[in-house]
Amino acid sequence: MKFGFRTPSLKKRISAQISPKRYLRDNLGFKVPKGYGLFTNPKKAVYNKLYNKTSTGCILLIAQISISVFIVLFFIRH
């Protein structure tokens, strides 16, 4: 289990977008509603829930910092 920042990977992002599994699921209608992961694969659902609670993306952190700096600078000027 990873704790802390997730490192972005361009290779994984591209391969996930063009995978045959994604094509079948999206175009042929093999989707299940959001939240049904617990029924289809409980072990993976629990792992992903814990992983998403304990790690964060570095892009999100940069965005949050830049927004807070913008707000501070805005109130200082006015």
PDB file of N, CA and C in Angstrom:
ATOM      1  N   MET A   1       0.852  -1.180   0.000  1.00  0.00           N
ATOM      2  CA  MET A   1       0.000   0.000   0.000  1.00  0.00           C
ATOM      3  C   MET A   1       0.889   1.231   0.000  1.00  0.00           C
ATOM      4  N   LYS A   2       0.561   2.177  -0.852  1.00  0.00           N
ATOM      5  CA  LYS A   2       1.332   3.408  -0.961  1.00  0.00           C
ATOM      6  C   LYS A   2       0.664   4.498  -0.141  1.00  0.00           C
ATOM      7  N   PHE A   3       1.476   5.243   0.603  1.00  0.00           N
ATOM      8  CA  PHE A   3       0.999   6.398   1.354  1.00  0.00           C
ATOM      9  C   PHE A   3       1.700   7.627   0.819  1.00  0.00           C
ATOM     10  N   GLY A   4       0.994   8.736   0.729  1.00  0.00           N
ATOM     11  CA  GLY A   4       1.616   9.968   0.270  1.00  0.00           C
ATOM     12  C   GLY A   4       1.223  10.319  -1.143  1.00  0.00           C
ATOM     13  N   PHE A   5       2.194  10.855  -1.896  1.00  0.00           N
ATOM     14  CA  PHE A   5       1.922  11.350  -3.246  1.00  0.00           C
ATOM     15  C   PHE A   5       1.937  10.226  -4.275  1.00  0.00           C
ATOM     16  N   ARG A   6       1.045  10.333  -5.254  1.00  0.00           N
ATOM     17  CA  ARG A   6       1.053   9.438  -6.408  1.00  0.00           C
ATOM     18  C   ARG A   6       1.893  10.089  -7.484  1.00  0.00           C
ATOM     19  N   THR A   7       2.723   9.307  -8.165  1.00  0.00           N
ATOM     20  CA  THR A   7       3.521   9.864  -9.245  1.00  0.00           C
ATOM     21  C   THR A   7       2.789   9.646 -10.561  1.00  0.00           C
ATOM     22  N   PRO A   8       2.553  10.703 -11.340  1.00  0.00           N
ATOM     23  CA  PRO A   8       1.827  10.548 -12.598  1.00  0.00           C
ATOM     24  C   PRO A   8       2.661   9.788 -13.627  1.00  0.00           C
ATOM     25  N   SER A   9       2.012   8.950 -14.423  1.00  0.00           N
ATOM     26  CA  SER A   9       2.689   8.171 -15.445  1.00  0.00           C
ATOM     27  C   SER A   9       1.950   8.340 -16.766  1.00  0.00           C
ATOM     28  N   LEU A  10       2.613   8.955 -17.733  1.00  0.00           N
ATOM     29  CA  LEU A  10       2.006   9.171 -19.039  1.00  0.00           C
ATOM     30  C   LEU A  10       1.753   7.841 -19.745  1.00  0.00           C
ATOM     31  N   LYS A  11       2.684   6.898 -19.597  1.00  0.00           N
ATOM     32  CA  LYS A  11       2.558   5.588 -20.237  1.00  0.00           C
ATOM     33  C   LYS A  11       1.309   4.849 -19.747  1.00  0.00           C
ATOM     34  N   LYS A  12       1.075   4.842 -18.453  1.00  0.00           N
ATOM     35  CA  LYS A  12      -0.100   4.164 -17.892  1.00  0.00           C
ATOM     36  C   LYS A  12      -1.392   4.869 -18.288  1.00  0.00           C
ATOM     37  N   ARG A  13      -1.346   6.201 -18.376  1.00  0.00           N
ATOM     38  CA  ARG A  13      -2.535   6.949 -18.757  1.00  0.00           C
ATOM     39  C   ARG A  13      -2.951   6.631 -20.192  1.00  0.00           C
ATOM     40  N   ILE A  14      -1.969   6.584 -21.096  1.00  0.00           N
ATOM     41  CA  ILE A  14      -2.262   6.286 -22.505  1.00  0.00           C
ATOM     42  C   ILE A  14      -2.720   4.842 -22.673  1.00  0.00           C
ATOM     43  N   SER A  15      -2.032   3.900 -22.016  1.00  0.00           N
ATOM     44  CA  SER A  15      -2.401   2.493 -22.174  1.00  0.00           C
ATOM     45  C   SER A  15      -3.779   2.202 -21.604  1.00  0.00           C
ATOM     46  N   ALA A  16      -4.195   2.924 -20.582  1.00  0.00           N
ATOM     47  CA  ALA A  16      -5.534   2.730 -20.030  1.00  0.00           C
ATOM     48  C   ALA A  16      -6.608   3.254 -20.975  1.00  0.00           C
ATOM     49  N   GLN A  17      -6.306   4.314 -21.710  1.00  0.00           N
ATOM     50  CA  GLN A  17      -7.285   4.907 -22.613  1.00  0.00           C
ATOM     51  C   GLN A  17      -7.511   4.077 -23.865  1.00  0.00           C
ATOM     52  N   ILE A  18      -6.496   3.309 -24.311  1.00  0.00           N
ATOM     53  CA  ILE A  18      -6.622   2.570 -25.572  1.00  0.00           C
ATOM     54  C   ILE A  18      -6.679   1.062 -25.367  1.00  0.00           C
ATOM     55  N   SER A  19      -7.047   0.622 -24.187  1.00  0.00           N
ATOM     56  CA  SER A  19      -7.071  -0.810 -23.913  1.00  0.00           C
ATOM     57  C   SER A  19      -8.309  -1.477 -24.524  1.00  0.00           C
ATOM     58  N   PRO A  20      -8.177  -2.734 -24.959  1.00  0.00           N
ATOM     59  CA  PRO A  20      -9.338  -3.456 -25.506  1.00  0.00           C
ATOM     60  C   PRO A  20     -10.450  -3.648 -24.473  1.00  0.00           C
ATOM     61  N   LYS A  21     -10.067  -3.806 -23.223  1.00  0.00           N
ATOM     62  CA  LYS A  21     -11.050  -3.979 -22.151  1.00  0.00           C
ATOM     63  C   LYS A  21     -11.937  -2.743 -22.034  1.00  0.00           C
ATOM     64  N   ARG A  22     -11.326  -1.561 -22.140  1.00  0.00           N
ATOM     65  CA  ARG A  22     -12.096  -0.320 -22.071  1.00  0.00           C
ATOM     66  C   ARG A  22     -13.025  -0.204 -23.276  1.00  0.00           C
ATOM     67  N   TYR A  23     -12.540  -0.570 -24.452  1.00  0.00           N
ATOM     68  CA  TYR A  23     -13.360  -0.506 -25.656  1.00  0.00           C
ATOM     69  C   TYR A  23     -14.599  -1.380 -25.515  1.00  0.00           C
ATOM     70  N   LEU A  24     -14.428  -2.615 -25.045  1.00  0.00           N
ATOM     71  CA  LEU A  24     -15.560  -3.525 -24.868  1.00  0.00           C
ATOM     72  C   LEU A  24     -16.548  -3.000 -23.839  1.00  0.00           C
ATOM     73  N   ARG A  25     -16.011  -2.535 -22.731  1.00  0.00           N
ATOM     74  CA  ARG A  25     -16.876  -2.060 -21.658  1.00  0.00           C
ATOM     75  C   ARG A  25     -17.683  -0.840 -22.082  1.00  0.00           C
ATOM     76  N   ASP A  26     -17.042   0.119 -22.740  1.00  0.00           N
ATOM     77  CA  ASP A  26     -17.714   1.376 -23.078  1.00  0.00           C
ATOM     78  C   ASP A  26     -18.627   1.249 -24.295  1.00  0.00           C
ATOM     79  N   ASN A  27     -18.168   0.575 -25.340  1.00  0.00           N
ATOM     80  CA  ASN A  27     -18.927   0.571 -26.594  1.00  0.00           C
ATOM     81  C   ASN A  27     -19.965  -0.539 -26.691  1.00  0.00           C
ATOM     82  N   LEU A  28     -19.769  -1.634 -26.003  1.00  0.00           N
ATOM     83  CA  LEU A  28     -20.715  -2.735 -26.105  1.00  0.00           C
ATOM     84  C   LEU A  28     -21.676  -2.816 -24.917  1.00  0.00           C
ATOM     85  N   GLY A  29     -21.562  -1.884 -23.984  1.00  0.00           N
ATOM     86  CA  GLY A  29     -22.537  -1.797 -22.899  1.00  0.00           C
ATOM     87  C   GLY A  29     -22.323  -2.763 -21.760  1.00  0.00           C
ATOM     88  N   PHE A  30     -21.074  -3.147 -21.479  1.00  0.00           N
ATOM     89  CA  PHE A  30     -20.798  -4.040 -20.349  1.00  0.00           C
ATOM     90  C   PHE A  30     -20.465  -3.250 -19.090  1.00  0.00           C
ATOM     91  N   LYS A  31     -21.178  -2.175 -18.867  1.00  0.00           N
ATOM     92  CA  LYS A  31     -20.922  -1.339 -17.706  1.00  0.00           C
ATOM     93  C   LYS A  31     -21.861  -1.729 -16.570  1.00  0.00           C
ATOM     94  N   VAL A  32     -21.388  -1.519 -15.362  1.00  0.00           N
ATOM     95  CA  VAL A  32     -22.250  -1.638 -14.186  1.00  0.00           C
ATOM     96  C   VAL A  32     -22.319  -0.250 -13.550  1.00  0.00           C
ATOM     97  N   PRO A  33     -23.381   0.060 -12.851  1.00  0.00           N
ATOM     98  CA  PRO A  33     -23.499   1.389 -12.248  1.00  0.00           C
ATOM     99  C   PRO A  33     -22.397   1.668 -11.231  1.00  0.00           C
ATOM    100  N   LYS A  34     -22.105   2.944 -11.039  1.00  0.00           N
ATOM    101  CA  LYS A  34     -21.085   3.355 -10.087  1.00  0.00           C
ATOM    102  C   LYS A  34     -21.461   2.885  -8.684  1.00  0.00           C
ATOM    103  N   GLY A  35     -20.499   2.346  -7.976  1.00  0.00           N
ATOM    104  CA  GLY A  35     -20.743   1.850  -6.633  1.00  0.00           C
ATOM    105  C   GLY A  35     -20.944   0.345  -6.562  1.00  0.00           C
ATOM    106  N   TYR A  36     -21.017  -0.332  -7.706  1.00  0.00           N
ATOM    107  CA  TYR A  36     -21.211  -1.774  -7.724  1.00  0.00           C
ATOM    108  C   TYR A  36     -19.893  -2.549  -7.671  1.00  0.00           C
ATOM    109  N   GLY A  37     -18.770  -1.850  -7.545  1.00  0.00           N
ATOM    110  CA  GLY A  37     -17.470  -2.517  -7.474  1.00  0.00           C
ATOM    111  C   GLY A  37     -17.371  -3.443  -6.280  1.00  0.00           C
ATOM    112  N   LEU A  38     -18.070  -3.115  -5.217  1.00  0.00           N
ATOM    113  CA  LEU A  38     -18.054  -3.952  -4.022  1.00  0.00           C
ATOM    114  C   LEU A  38     -18.658  -5.328  -4.308  1.00  0.00           C
ATOM    115  N   PHE A  39     -19.593  -5.392  -5.245  1.00  0.00           N
ATOM    116  CA  PHE A  39     -20.218  -6.671  -5.584  1.00  0.00           C
ATOM    117  C   PHE A  39     -19.424  -7.442  -6.637  1.00  0.00           C
ATOM    118  N   THR A  40     -18.819  -6.714  -7.600  1.00  0.00           N
ATOM    119  CA  THR A  40     -18.104  -7.395  -8.683  1.00  0.00           C
ATOM    120  C   THR A  40     -16.728  -7.869  -8.248  1.00  0.00           C
ATOM    121  N   ASN A  41     -16.001  -7.059  -7.448  1.00  0.00           N
ATOM    122  CA  ASN A  41     -14.670  -7.443  -6.982  1.00  0.00           C
ATOM    123  C   ASN A  41     -14.438  -6.784  -5.619  1.00  0.00           C
ATOM    124  N   PRO A  42     -14.878  -7.427  -4.530  1.00  0.00           N
ATOM    125  CA  PRO A  42     -14.821  -6.793  -3.210  1.00  0.00           C
ATOM    126  C   PRO A  42     -13.410  -6.477  -2.735  1.00  0.00           C
ATOM    127  N   LYS A  43     -12.451  -7.364  -3.023  1.00  0.00           N
ATOM    128  CA  LYS A  43     -11.081  -7.145  -2.566  1.00  0.00           C
ATOM    129  C   LYS A  43     -10.492  -5.882  -3.206  1.00  0.00           C
ATOM    130  N   LYS A  44     -10.715  -5.725  -4.497  1.00  0.00           N
ATOM    131  CA  LYS A  44     -10.211  -4.556  -5.215  1.00  0.00           C
ATOM    132  C   LYS A  44     -10.930  -3.287  -4.756  1.00  0.00           C
ATOM    133  N   ALA A  45     -12.215  -3.371  -4.486  1.00  0.00           N
ATOM    134  CA  ALA A  45     -12.989  -2.205  -4.053  1.00  0.00           C
ATOM    135  C   ALA A  45     -12.489  -1.690  -2.704  1.00  0.00           C
ATOM    136  N   VAL A  46     -12.214  -2.598  -1.774  1.00  0.00           N
ATOM    137  CA  VAL A  46     -11.729  -2.197  -0.452  1.00  0.00           C
ATOM    138  C   VAL A  46     -10.331  -1.594  -0.571  1.00  0.00           C
ATOM    139  N   TYR A  47      -9.461  -2.212  -1.381  1.00  0.00           N
ATOM    140  CA  TYR A  47      -8.110  -1.699  -1.586  1.00  0.00           C
ATOM    141  C   TYR A  47      -8.158  -0.287  -2.176  1.00  0.00           C
ATOM    142  N   ASN A  48      -8.976  -0.090  -3.217  1.00  0.00           N
ATOM    143  CA  ASN A  48      -9.051   1.213  -3.866  1.00  0.00           C
ATOM    144  C   ASN A  48      -9.617   2.280  -2.936  1.00  0.00           C
ATOM    145  N   LYS A  49     -10.581   1.924  -2.124  1.00  0.00           N
ATOM    146  CA  LYS A  49     -11.162   2.871  -1.171  1.00  0.00           C
ATOM    147  C   LYS A  49     -10.096   3.343  -0.187  1.00  0.00           C
ATOM    148  N   LEU A  50      -9.319   2.401   0.359  1.00  0.00           N
ATOM    149  CA  LEU A  50      -8.264   2.731   1.309  1.00  0.00           C
ATOM    150  C   LEU A  50      -7.146   3.526   0.631  1.00  0.00           C
ATOM    151  N   TYR A  51      -6.771   3.139  -0.584  1.00  0.00           N
ATOM    152  CA  TYR A  51      -5.713   3.821  -1.323  1.00  0.00           C
ATOM    153  C   TYR A  51      -6.096   5.273  -1.614  1.00  0.00           C
ATOM    154  N   ASN A  52      -7.317   5.492  -2.036  1.00  0.00           N
ATOM    155  CA  ASN A  52      -7.747   6.846  -2.362  1.00  0.00           C
ATOM    156  C   ASN A  52      -7.891   7.731  -1.131  1.00  0.00           C
ATOM    157  N   LYS A  53      -8.102   7.131   0.030  1.00  0.00           N
ATOM    158  CA  LYS A  53      -8.185   7.908   1.262  1.00  0.00           C
ATOM    159  C   LYS A  53      -6.799   8.290   1.787  1.00  0.00           C
ATOM    160  N   THR A  54      -5.772   7.456   1.515  1.00  0.00           N
ATOM    161  CA  THR A  54      -4.460   7.662   2.122  1.00  0.00           C
ATOM    162  C   THR A  54      -3.429   8.280   1.198  1.00  0.00           C
ATOM    163  N   SER A  55      -3.757   8.490  -0.071  1.00  0.00           N
ATOM    164  CA  SER A  55      -2.785   9.092  -0.981  1.00  0.00           C
ATOM    165  C   SER A  55      -3.429  10.261  -1.723  1.00  0.00           C
ATOM    166  N   THR A  56      -2.582  11.095  -2.283  1.00  0.00           N
ATOM    167  CA  THR A  56      -3.077  12.254  -3.014  1.00  0.00           C
ATOM    168  C   THR A  56      -2.186  12.489  -4.222  1.00  0.00           C
ATOM    169  N   GLY A  57      -2.720  13.100  -5.227  1.00  0.00           N
ATOM    170  CA  GLY A  57      -1.944  13.400  -6.427  1.00  0.00           C
ATOM    171  C   GLY A  57      -1.175  14.694  -6.264  1.00  0.00           C
ATOM    172  N   CYS A  58       0.015  14.781  -6.859  1.00  0.00           N
ATOM    173  CA  CYS A  58       0.817  15.993  -6.726  1.00  0.00           C
ATOM    174  C   CYS A  58       0.207  17.145  -7.521  1.00  0.00           C
ATOM    175  N   ILE A  59      -0.509  16.860  -8.603  1.00  0.00           N
ATOM    176  CA  ILE A  59      -1.151  17.913  -9.391  1.00  0.00           C
ATOM    177  C   ILE A  59      -2.226  18.605  -8.555  1.00  0.00           C
ATOM    178  N   LEU A  60      -2.969  17.829  -7.782  1.00  0.00           N
ATOM    179  CA  LEU A  60      -4.019  18.392  -6.926  1.00  0.00           C
ATOM    180  C   LEU A  60      -3.413  19.318  -5.878  1.00  0.00           C
ATOM    181  N   LEU A  61      -2.292  18.928  -5.308  1.00  0.00           N
ATOM    182  CA  LEU A  61      -1.628  19.741  -4.292  1.00  0.00           C
ATOM    183  C   LEU A  61      -1.174  21.074  -4.885  1.00  0.00           C
ATOM    184  N   ILE A  62      -0.602  21.043  -6.084  1.00  0.00           N
ATOM    185  CA  ILE A  62      -0.149  22.268  -6.745  1.00  0.00           C
ATOM    186  C   ILE A  62      -1.336  23.188  -7.022  1.00  0.00           C
ATOM    187  N   ALA A  63      -2.450  22.629  -7.466  1.00  0.00           N
ATOM    188  CA  ALA A  63      -3.641  23.430  -7.749  1.00  0.00           C
ATOM    189  C   ALA A  63      -4.170  24.084  -6.476  1.00  0.00           C
ATOM    190  N   GLN A  64      -4.197  23.344  -5.387  1.00  0.00           N
ATOM    191  CA  GLN A  64      -4.703  23.898  -4.133  1.00  0.00           C
ATOM    192  C   GLN A  64      -3.811  25.035  -3.632  1.00  0.00           C
ATOM    193  N   ILE A  65      -2.498  24.868  -3.764  1.00  0.00           N
ATOM    194  CA  ILE A  65      -1.567  25.907  -3.320  1.00  0.00           C
ATOM    195  C   ILE A  65      -1.730  27.159  -4.160  1.00  0.00           C
ATOM    196  N   SER A  66      -1.844  26.983  -5.482  1.00  0.00           N
ATOM    197  CA  SER A  66      -1.961  28.161  -6.346  1.00  0.00           C
ATOM    198  C   SER A  66      -3.277  28.908  -6.098  1.00  0.00           C
ATOM    199  N   ILE A  67      -4.346  28.190  -5.815  1.00  0.00           N
ATOM    200  CA  ILE A  67      -5.624  28.846  -5.512  1.00  0.00           C
ATOM    201  C   ILE A  67      -5.528  29.629  -4.211  1.00  0.00           C
ATOM    202  N   SER A  68      -4.904  29.048  -3.202  1.00  0.00           N
ATOM    203  CA  SER A  68      -4.803  29.753  -1.919  1.00  0.00           C
ATOM    204  C   SER A  68      -3.904  30.982  -2.035  1.00  0.00           C
ATOM    205  N   VAL A  69      -2.822  30.898  -2.825  1.00  0.00           N
ATOM    206  CA  VAL A  69      -1.968  32.066  -3.046  1.00  0.00           C
ATOM    207  C   VAL A  69      -2.739  33.158  -3.773  1.00  0.00           C
ATOM    208  N   PHE A  70      -3.534  32.773  -4.769  1.00  0.00           N
ATOM    209  CA  PHE A  70      -4.336  33.741  -5.504  1.00  0.00           C
ATOM    210  C   PHE A  70      -5.313  34.455  -4.578  1.00  0.00           C
ATOM    211  N   ILE A  71      -5.953  33.733  -3.699  1.00  0.00           N
ATOM    212  CA  ILE A  71      -6.921  34.327  -2.769  1.00  0.00           C
ATOM    213  C   ILE A  71      -6.227  35.296  -1.821  1.00  0.00           C
ATOM    214  N   VAL A  72      -5.074  34.905  -1.306  1.00  0.00           N
ATOM    215  CA  VAL A  72      -4.338  35.782  -0.386  1.00  0.00           C
ATOM    216  C   VAL A  72      -3.923  37.058  -1.101  1.00  0.00           C
ATOM    217  N   LEU A  73      -3.381  36.933  -2.304  1.00  0.00           N
ATOM    218  CA  LEU A  73      -2.951  38.117  -3.050  1.00  0.00           C
ATOM    219  C   LEU A  73      -4.135  39.016  -3.408  1.00  0.00           C
ATOM    220  N   PHE A  74      -5.268  38.419  -3.702  1.00  0.00           N
ATOM    221  CA  PHE A  74      -6.455  39.195  -4.039  1.00  0.00           C
ATOM    222  C   PHE A  74      -6.899  40.055  -2.856  1.00  0.00           C
ATOM    223  N   PHE A  75      -6.905  39.481  -1.655  1.00  0.00           N
ATOM    224  CA  PHE A  75      -7.354  40.225  -0.485  1.00  0.00           C
ATOM    225  C   PHE A  75      -6.320  41.238  -0.021  1.00  0.00           C
ATOM    226  N   ILE A  76      -5.052  41.001  -0.289  1.00  0.00           N
ATOM    227  CA  ILE A  76      -4.023  41.970   0.084  1.00  0.00           C
ATOM    228  C   ILE A  76      -4.150  43.227  -0.771  1.00  0.00           C
ATOM    229  N   ARG A  77      -4.438  43.062  -2.057  1.00  0.00           N
ATOM    230  CA  ARG A  77      -4.543  44.205  -2.966  1.00  0.00           C
ATOM    231  C   ARG A  77      -5.800  45.028  -2.721  1.00  0.00           C
ATOM    232  N   HIS A  78      -6.877  44.412  -2.284  1.00  0.00           N
ATOM    233  CA  HIS A  78      -8.141  45.151  -2.131  1.00  0.00           C
ATOM    234  C   HIS A  78      -8.398  45.467  -0.713  1.00  0.00           C
TER     235      HIS A  78
END
